[in-house]
Amino acid sequence: MYDQKKPPTSERSLPIPGRSGIEPLLDSNKAAAMLGVHPRTLQRMVLRGQIVGVQVGKLWRFRASAIDEWIENKEHKMVG
């Protein structure tokens, strides 16, 4: 019978072989940790259009570059 166990977490975050240049997606917990907010707060930010995320089924995924871009935009607004 085929073993349907999930791969270890470390393997799930790796890019897909043969798709170089593709940025792996972060889950809500990791992305929220980058901002220092609760994952639910981050999900609300997506629904308000404040930050970019993608919903895969019931789960939200984020690119680290999108989180960094949001931070940079906030920094520019505070300075200018």
PDB file of N, CA and C in Angstrom:
ATOM      1  N   MET A   1       0.841  -1.184   0.000  1.00  0.00           N
ATOM      2  CA  MET A   1       0.000   0.000   0.000  1.00  0.00           C
ATOM      3  C   MET A   1       0.885   1.246   0.000  1.00  0.00           C
ATOM      4  N   TYR A   2       0.446   2.285  -0.625  1.00  0.00           N
ATOM      5  CA  TYR A   2       1.189   3.539  -0.760  1.00  0.00           C
ATOM      6  C   TYR A   2       1.163   4.317   0.546  1.00  0.00           C
ATOM      7  N   ASP A   3       2.331   4.777   0.982  1.00  0.00           N
ATOM      8  CA  ASP A   3       2.440   5.546   2.218  1.00  0.00           C
ATOM      9  C   ASP A   3       2.082   7.005   1.936  1.00  0.00           C
ATOM     10  N   GLN A   4       1.018   7.518   2.559  1.00  0.00           N
ATOM     11  CA  GLN A   4       0.531   8.870   2.287  1.00  0.00           C
ATOM     12  C   GLN A   4       0.910   9.860   3.380  1.00  0.00           C
ATOM     13  N   LYS A   5       2.011   9.616   4.084  1.00  0.00           N
ATOM     14  CA  LYS A   5       2.441  10.543   5.121  1.00  0.00           C
ATOM     15  C   LYS A   5       2.919  11.834   4.501  1.00  0.00           C
ATOM     16  N   LYS A   6       2.742  12.932   5.224  1.00  0.00           N
ATOM     17  CA  LYS A   6       3.247  14.220   4.764  1.00  0.00           C
ATOM     18  C   LYS A   6       4.765  14.235   4.911  1.00  0.00           C
ATOM     19  N   PRO A   7       5.460  14.917   3.995  1.00  0.00           N
ATOM     20  CA  PRO A   7       6.913  15.019   4.153  1.00  0.00           C
ATOM     21  C   PRO A   7       7.245  15.891   5.352  1.00  0.00           C
ATOM     22  N   PRO A   8       8.453  15.773   5.887  1.00  0.00           N
ATOM     23  CA  PRO A   8       8.836  16.625   7.011  1.00  0.00           C
ATOM     24  C   PRO A   8       8.698  18.091   6.639  1.00  0.00           C
ATOM     25  N   THR A   9       8.453  18.932   7.635  1.00  0.00           N
ATOM     26  CA  THR A   9       8.250  20.358   7.408  1.00  0.00           C
ATOM     27  C   THR A   9       9.390  20.964   6.609  1.00  0.00           C
ATOM     28  N   SER A  10      10.623  20.569   6.896  1.00  0.00           N
ATOM     29  CA  SER A  10      11.774  21.131   6.194  1.00  0.00           C
ATOM     30  C   SER A  10      11.701  20.854   4.694  1.00  0.00           C
ATOM     31  N   GLU A  11      11.160  19.725   4.290  1.00  0.00           N
ATOM     32  CA  GLU A  11      11.046  19.404   2.870  1.00  0.00           C
ATOM     33  C   GLU A  11       9.898  20.157   2.209  1.00  0.00           C
ATOM     34  N   ARG A  12       8.841  20.440   2.952  1.00  0.00           N
ATOM     35  CA  ARG A  12       7.699  21.125   2.360  1.00  0.00           C
ATOM     36  C   ARG A  12       8.011  22.573   1.994  1.00  0.00           C
ATOM     37  N   SER A  13       8.983  23.196   2.663  1.00  0.00           N
ATOM     38  CA  SER A  13       9.269  24.591   2.390  1.00  0.00           C
ATOM     39  C   SER A  13      10.291  24.773   1.268  1.00  0.00           C
ATOM     40  N   LEU A  14      10.834  23.668   0.726  1.00  0.00           N
ATOM     41  CA  LEU A  14      11.807  23.768  -0.341  1.00  0.00           C
ATOM     42  C   LEU A  14      11.123  24.047  -1.676  1.00  0.00           C
ATOM     43  N   PRO A  15      11.810  24.763  -2.579  1.00  0.00           N
ATOM     44  CA  PRO A  15      11.231  24.990  -3.905  1.00  0.00           C
ATOM     45  C   PRO A  15      11.061  23.670  -4.650  1.00  0.00           C
ATOM     46  N   ILE A  16      10.164  23.642  -5.591  1.00  0.00           N
ATOM     47  CA  ILE A  16       9.904  22.448  -6.379  1.00  0.00           C
ATOM     48  C   ILE A  16      11.055  22.245  -7.363  1.00  0.00           C
ATOM     49  N   PRO A  17      11.629  21.032  -7.438  1.00  0.00           N
ATOM     50  CA  PRO A  17      12.728  20.786  -8.382  1.00  0.00           C
ATOM     51  C   PRO A  17      12.295  21.104  -9.813  1.00  0.00           C
ATOM     52  N   GLY A  18      13.195  21.743 -10.554  1.00  0.00           N
ATOM     53  CA  GLY A  18      12.884  22.089 -11.937  1.00  0.00           C
ATOM     54  C   GLY A  18      12.176  23.420 -12.083  1.00  0.00           C
ATOM     55  N   ARG A  19      11.869  24.076 -10.980  1.00  0.00           N
ATOM     56  CA  ARG A  19      11.176  25.370 -11.040  1.00  0.00           C
ATOM     57  C   ARG A  19      12.037  26.422 -10.353  1.00  0.00           C
ATOM     58  N   SER A  20      13.257  26.578 -10.846  1.00  0.00           N
ATOM     59  CA  SER A  20      14.174  27.535 -10.234  1.00  0.00           C
ATOM     60  C   SER A  20      13.620  28.943 -10.375  1.00  0.00           C
ATOM     61  N   GLY A  21      13.917  29.767  -9.407  1.00  0.00           N
ATOM     62  CA  GLY A  21      13.442  31.139  -9.424  1.00  0.00           C
ATOM     63  C   GLY A  21      12.059  31.311  -8.814  1.00  0.00           C
ATOM     64  N   ILE A  22      11.415  30.233  -8.453  1.00  0.00           N
ATOM     65  CA  ILE A  22      10.095  30.301  -7.827  1.00  0.00           C
ATOM     66  C   ILE A  22      10.281  30.448  -6.326  1.00  0.00           C
ATOM     67  N   GLU A  23       9.706  31.498  -5.779  1.00  0.00           N
ATOM     68  CA  GLU A  23       9.829  31.749  -4.345  1.00  0.00           C
ATOM     69  C   GLU A  23       8.861  30.849  -3.566  1.00  0.00           C
ATOM     70  N   PRO A  24       9.356  30.108  -2.569  1.00  0.00           N
ATOM     71  CA  PRO A  24       8.446  29.270  -1.781  1.00  0.00           C
ATOM     72  C   PRO A  24       7.480  30.140  -0.979  1.00  0.00           C
ATOM     73  N   LEU A  25       6.320  29.609  -0.721  1.00  0.00           N
ATOM     74  CA  LEU A  25       5.301  30.342   0.021  1.00  0.00           C
ATOM     75  C   LEU A  25       5.419  30.078   1.516  1.00  0.00           C
ATOM     76  N   LEU A  26       5.135  31.104   2.304  1.00  0.00           N
ATOM     77  CA  LEU A  26       5.130  30.987   3.760  1.00  0.00           C
ATOM     78  C   LEU A  26       3.702  30.750   4.235  1.00  0.00           C
ATOM     79  N   ASP A  27       3.537  29.998   5.305  1.00  0.00           N
ATOM     80  CA  ASP A  27       2.206  29.858   5.889  1.00  0.00           C
ATOM     81  C   ASP A  27       1.900  31.091   6.745  1.00  0.00           C
ATOM     82  N   SER A  28       0.685  31.172   7.240  1.00  0.00           N
ATOM     83  CA  SER A  28       0.252  32.340   8.030  1.00  0.00           C
ATOM     84  C   SER A  28       1.117  32.547   9.270  1.00  0.00           C
ATOM     85  N   ASN A  29       1.517  31.461   9.913  1.00  0.00           N
ATOM     86  CA  ASN A  29       2.320  31.595  11.133  1.00  0.00           C
ATOM     87  C   ASN A  29       3.677  32.224  10.858  1.00  0.00           C
ATOM     88  N   LYS A  30       4.371  31.751   9.823  1.00  0.00           N
ATOM     89  CA  LYS A  30       5.693  32.286   9.506  1.00  0.00           C
ATOM     90  C   LYS A  30       5.608  33.724   9.018  1.00  0.00           C
ATOM     91  N   ALA A  31       4.630  34.007   8.159  1.00  0.00           N
ATOM     92  CA  ALA A  31       4.472  35.361   7.632  1.00  0.00           C
ATOM     93  C   ALA A  31       4.098  36.337   8.752  1.00  0.00           C
ATOM     94  N   ALA A  32       3.213  35.917   9.642  1.00  0.00           N
ATOM     95  CA  ALA A  32       2.805  36.767  10.765  1.00  0.00           C
ATOM     96  C   ALA A  32       3.982  37.021  11.704  1.00  0.00           C
ATOM     97  N   ALA A  33       4.829  36.023  11.883  1.00  0.00           N
ATOM     98  CA  ALA A  33       6.007  36.191  12.733  1.00  0.00           C
ATOM     99  C   ALA A  33       6.952  37.246  12.160  1.00  0.00           C
ATOM    100  N   MET A  34       7.043  37.331  10.832  1.00  0.00           N
ATOM    101  CA  MET A  34       7.884  38.351  10.206  1.00  0.00           C
ATOM    102  C   MET A  34       7.404  39.756  10.567  1.00  0.00           C
ATOM    103  N   LEU A  35       6.085  39.903  10.720  1.00  0.00           N
ATOM    104  CA  LEU A  35       5.503  41.210  11.033  1.00  0.00           C
ATOM    105  C   LEU A  35       5.281  41.416  12.528  1.00  0.00           C
ATOM    106  N   GLY A  36       5.366  40.345  13.288  1.00  0.00           N
ATOM    107  CA  GLY A  36       5.126  40.450  14.726  1.00  0.00           C
ATOM    108  C   GLY A  36       3.661  40.611  15.070  1.00  0.00           C
ATOM    109  N   VAL A  37       2.801  39.993  14.245  1.00  0.00           N
ATOM    110  CA  VAL A  37       1.358  40.045  14.495  1.00  0.00           C
ATOM    111  C   VAL A  37       0.819  38.626  14.591  1.00  0.00           C
ATOM    112  N   HIS A  38      -0.405  38.503  15.042  1.00  0.00           N
ATOM    113  CA  HIS A  38      -1.083  37.205  15.110  1.00  0.00           C
ATOM    114  C   HIS A  38      -1.465  36.783  13.693  1.00  0.00           C
ATOM    115  N   PRO A  39      -1.425  35.484  13.382  1.00  0.00           N
ATOM    116  CA  PRO A  39      -1.798  35.028  12.044  1.00  0.00           C
ATOM    117  C   PRO A  39      -3.196  35.494  11.606  1.00  0.00           C
ATOM    118  N   ARG A  40      -4.135  35.549  12.515  1.00  0.00           N
ATOM    119  CA  ARG A  40      -5.486  36.003  12.162  1.00  0.00           C
ATOM    120  C   ARG A  40      -5.471  37.490  11.776  1.00  0.00           C
ATOM    121  N   THR A  41      -4.641  38.279  12.431  1.00  0.00           N
ATOM    122  CA  THR A  41      -4.510  39.695  12.072  1.00  0.00           C
ATOM    123  C   THR A  41      -3.978  39.818  10.653  1.00  0.00           C
ATOM    124  N   LEU A  42      -3.011  38.991  10.307  1.00  0.00           N
ATOM    125  CA  LEU A  42      -2.462  39.004   8.958  1.00  0.00           C
ATOM    126  C   LEU A  42      -3.535  38.628   7.936  1.00  0.00           C
ATOM    127  N   GLN A  43      -4.347  37.645   8.250  1.00  0.00           N
ATOM    128  CA  GLN A  43      -5.425  37.237   7.346  1.00  0.00           C
ATOM    129  C   GLN A  43      -6.436  38.365   7.164  1.00  0.00           C
ATOM    130  N   ARG A  44      -6.731  39.094   8.218  1.00  0.00           N
ATOM    131  CA  ARG A  44      -7.633  40.249   8.106  1.00  0.00           C
ATOM    132  C   ARG A  44      -7.027  41.330   7.213  1.00  0.00           C
ATOM    133  N   MET A  45      -5.719  41.511   7.321  1.00  0.00           N
ATOM    134  CA  MET A  45      -5.030  42.500   6.481  1.00  0.00           C
ATOM    135  C   MET A  45      -5.183  42.146   5.004  1.00  0.00           C
ATOM    136  N   VAL A  46      -5.138  40.859   4.690  1.00  0.00           N
ATOM    137  CA  VAL A  46      -5.326  40.408   3.305  1.00  0.00           C
ATOM    138  C   VAL A  46      -6.748  40.733   2.856  1.00  0.00           C
ATOM    139  N   LEU A  47      -7.722  40.418   3.683  1.00  0.00           N
ATOM    140  CA  LEU A  47      -9.115  40.655   3.317  1.00  0.00           C
ATOM    141  C   LEU A  47      -9.422  42.140   3.134  1.00  0.00           C
ATOM    142  N   ARG A  48      -8.684  43.008   3.831  1.00  0.00           N
ATOM    143  CA  ARG A  48      -8.837  44.467   3.681  1.00  0.00           C
ATOM    144  C   ARG A  48      -8.059  45.011   2.489  1.00  0.00           C
ATOM    145  N   GLY A  49      -7.242  44.160   1.857  1.00  0.00           N
ATOM    146  CA  GLY A  49      -6.439  44.593   0.720  1.00  0.00           C
ATOM    147  C   GLY A  49      -5.166  45.313   1.120  1.00  0.00           C
ATOM    148  N   GLN A  50      -4.743  45.165   2.361  1.00  0.00           N
ATOM    149  CA  GLN A  50      -3.551  45.849   2.845  1.00  0.00           C
ATOM    150  C   GLN A  50      -2.271  45.109   2.481  1.00  0.00           C
ATOM    151  N   ILE A  51      -2.351  43.818   2.307  1.00  0.00           N
ATOM    152  CA  ILE A  51      -1.177  42.998   2.015  1.00  0.00           C
ATOM    153  C   ILE A  51      -1.594  41.882   1.068  1.00  0.00           C
ATOM    154  N   VAL A  52      -0.654  41.382   0.271  1.00  0.00           N
ATOM    155  CA  VAL A  52      -0.965  40.376  -0.740  1.00  0.00           C
ATOM    156  C   VAL A  52      -0.762  38.975  -0.167  1.00  0.00           C
ATOM    157  N   GLY A  53      -1.742  38.121  -0.393  1.00  0.00           N
ATOM    158  CA  GLY A  53      -1.671  36.725   0.011  1.00  0.00           C
ATOM    159  C   GLY A  53      -2.534  35.905  -0.924  1.00  0.00           C
ATOM    160  N   VAL A  54      -2.380  34.611  -0.872  1.00  0.00           N
ATOM    161  CA  VAL A  54      -3.188  33.734  -1.703  1.00  0.00           C
ATOM    162  C   VAL A  54      -3.816  32.672  -0.811  1.00  0.00           C
ATOM    163  N   GLN A  55      -5.093  32.422  -1.043  1.00  0.00           N
ATOM    164  CA  GLN A  55      -5.788  31.409  -0.259  1.00  0.00           C
ATOM    165  C   GLN A  55      -5.809  30.107  -1.049  1.00  0.00           C
ATOM    166  N   VAL A  56      -5.291  29.058  -0.435  1.00  0.00           N
ATOM    167  CA  VAL A  56      -5.275  27.725  -1.025  1.00  0.00           C
ATOM    168  C   VAL A  56      -6.184  26.868  -0.160  1.00  0.00           C
ATOM    169  N   GLY A  57      -7.373  26.628  -0.646  1.00  0.00           N
ATOM    170  CA  GLY A  57      -8.372  25.957   0.191  1.00  0.00           C
ATOM    171  C   GLY A  57      -8.735  26.868   1.351  1.00  0.00           C
ATOM    172  N   LYS A  58      -8.553  26.386   2.572  1.00  0.00           N
ATOM    173  CA  LYS A  58      -8.826  27.200   3.761  1.00  0.00           C
ATOM    174  C   LYS A  58      -7.565  27.880   4.286  1.00  0.00           C
ATOM    175  N   LEU A  59      -6.409  27.572   3.705  1.00  0.00           N
ATOM    176  CA  LEU A  59      -5.132  28.065   4.211  1.00  0.00           C
ATOM    177  C   LEU A  59      -4.652  29.274   3.418  1.00  0.00           C
ATOM    178  N   TRP A  60      -3.983  30.192   4.106  1.00  0.00           N
ATOM    179  CA  TRP A  60      -3.388  31.361   3.466  1.00  0.00           C
ATOM    180  C   TRP A  60      -1.902  31.137   3.307  1.00  0.00           C
ATOM    181  N   ARG A  61      -1.355  31.605   2.180  1.00  0.00           N
ATOM    182  CA  ARG A  61       0.071  31.524   1.897  1.00  0.00           C
ATOM    183  C   ARG A  61       0.554  32.910   1.463  1.00  0.00           C
ATOM    184  N   PHE A  62       1.819  33.189   1.783  1.00  0.00           N
ATOM    185  CA  PHE A  62       2.392  34.511   1.531  1.00  0.00           C
ATOM    186  C   PHE A  62       3.808  34.369   1.002  1.00  0.00           C
ATOM    187  N   ARG A  63       4.214  35.289   0.152  1.00  0.00           N
ATOM    188  CA  ARG A  63       5.598  35.369  -0.289  1.00  0.00           C
ATOM    189  C   ARG A  63       6.339  36.287   0.662  1.00  0.00           C
ATOM    190  N   ALA A  64       7.544  35.888   1.038  1.00  0.00           N
ATOM    191  CA  ALA A  64       8.362  36.725   1.916  1.00  0.00           C
ATOM    192  C   ALA A  64       8.610  38.077   1.255  1.00  0.00           C
ATOM    193  N   SER A  65       8.758  38.090  -0.055  1.00  0.00           N
ATOM    194  CA  SER A  65       8.995  39.350  -0.766  1.00  0.00           C
ATOM    195  C   SER A  65       7.789  40.280  -0.660  1.00  0.00           C
ATOM    196  N   ALA A  66       6.572  39.736  -0.610  1.00  0.00           N
ATOM    197  CA  ALA A  66       5.376  40.566  -0.454  1.00  0.00           C
ATOM    198  C   ALA A  66       5.334  41.185   0.944  1.00  0.00           C
ATOM    199  N   ILE A  67       5.753  40.425   1.944  1.00  0.00           N
ATOM    200  CA  ILE A  67       5.814  40.951   3.310  1.00  0.00           C
ATOM    201  C   ILE A  67       6.857  42.065   3.381  1.00  0.00           C
ATOM    202  N   ASP A  68       8.039  41.826   2.790  1.00  0.00           N
ATOM    203  CA  ASP A  68       9.105  42.837   2.774  1.00  0.00           C
ATOM    204  C   ASP A  68       8.652  44.102   2.042  1.00  0.00           C
ATOM    205  N   GLU A  69       7.951  43.921   0.936  1.00  0.00           N
ATOM    206  CA  GLU A  69       7.461  45.069   0.156  1.00  0.00           C
ATOM    207  C   GLU A  69       6.474  45.894   0.978  1.00  0.00           C
ATOM    208  N   TRP A  70       5.598  45.222   1.694  1.00  0.00           N
ATOM    209  CA  TRP A  70       4.623  45.930   2.533  1.00  0.00           C
ATOM    210  C   TRP A  70       5.350  46.751   3.599  1.00  0.00           C
ATOM    211  N   ILE A  71       6.373  46.165   4.206  1.00  0.00           N
ATOM    212  CA  ILE A  71       7.146  46.861   5.230  1.00  0.00           C
ATOM    213  C   ILE A  71       7.826  48.089   4.617  1.00  0.00           C
ATOM    214  N   GLU A  72       8.436  47.916   3.442  1.00  0.00           N
ATOM    215  CA  GLU A  72       9.101  49.042   2.779  1.00  0.00           C
ATOM    216  C   GLU A  72       8.122  50.162   2.464  1.00  0.00           C
ATOM    217  N   ASN A  73       6.934  49.815   1.993  1.00  0.00           N
ATOM    218  CA  ASN A  73       5.921  50.837   1.690  1.00  0.00           C
ATOM    219  C   ASN A  73       5.518  51.598   2.945  1.00  0.00           C
ATOM    220  N   LYS A  74       5.404  50.912   4.058  1.00  0.00           N
ATOM    221  CA  LYS A  74       5.056  51.564   5.321  1.00  0.00           C
ATOM    222  C   LYS A  74       6.182  52.475   5.783  1.00  0.00           C
ATOM    223  N   GLU A  75       7.434  52.054   5.588  1.00  0.00           N
ATOM    224  CA  GLU A  75       8.586  52.867   5.983  1.00  0.00           C
ATOM    225  C   GLU A  75       8.646  54.148   5.163  1.00  0.00           C
ATOM    226  N   HIS A  76       8.364  54.051   3.859  1.00  0.00           N
ATOM    227  CA  HIS A  76       8.402  55.229   3.000  1.00  0.00           C
ATOM    228  C   HIS A  76       7.320  56.237   3.366  1.00  0.00           C
ATOM    229  N   LYS A  77       6.156  55.748   3.759  1.00  0.00           N
ATOM    230  CA  LYS A  77       5.062  56.649   4.142  1.00  0.00           C
ATOM    231  C   LYS A  77       5.393  57.399   5.428  1.00  0.00           C
ATOM    232  N   MET A  78       6.099  56.733   6.342  1.00  0.00           N
ATOM    233  CA  MET A  78       6.442  57.368   7.608  1.00  0.00           C
ATOM    234  C   MET A  78       7.532  58.416   7.396  1.00  0.00           C
ATOM    235  N   VAL A  79       8.469  58.145   6.480  1.00  0.00           N
ATOM    236  CA  VAL A  79       9.585  59.073   6.250  1.00  0.00           C
ATOM    237  C   VAL A  79       9.108  60.264   5.433  1.00  0.00           C
ATOM    238  N   GLY A  80       8.327  60.017   4.376  1.00  0.00           N
ATOM    239  CA  GLY A  80       7.914  61.081   3.461  1.00  0.00           C
ATOM    240  C   GLY A  80       6.695  61.703   3.919  1.00  0.00           C
TER     241      GLY A  80
END
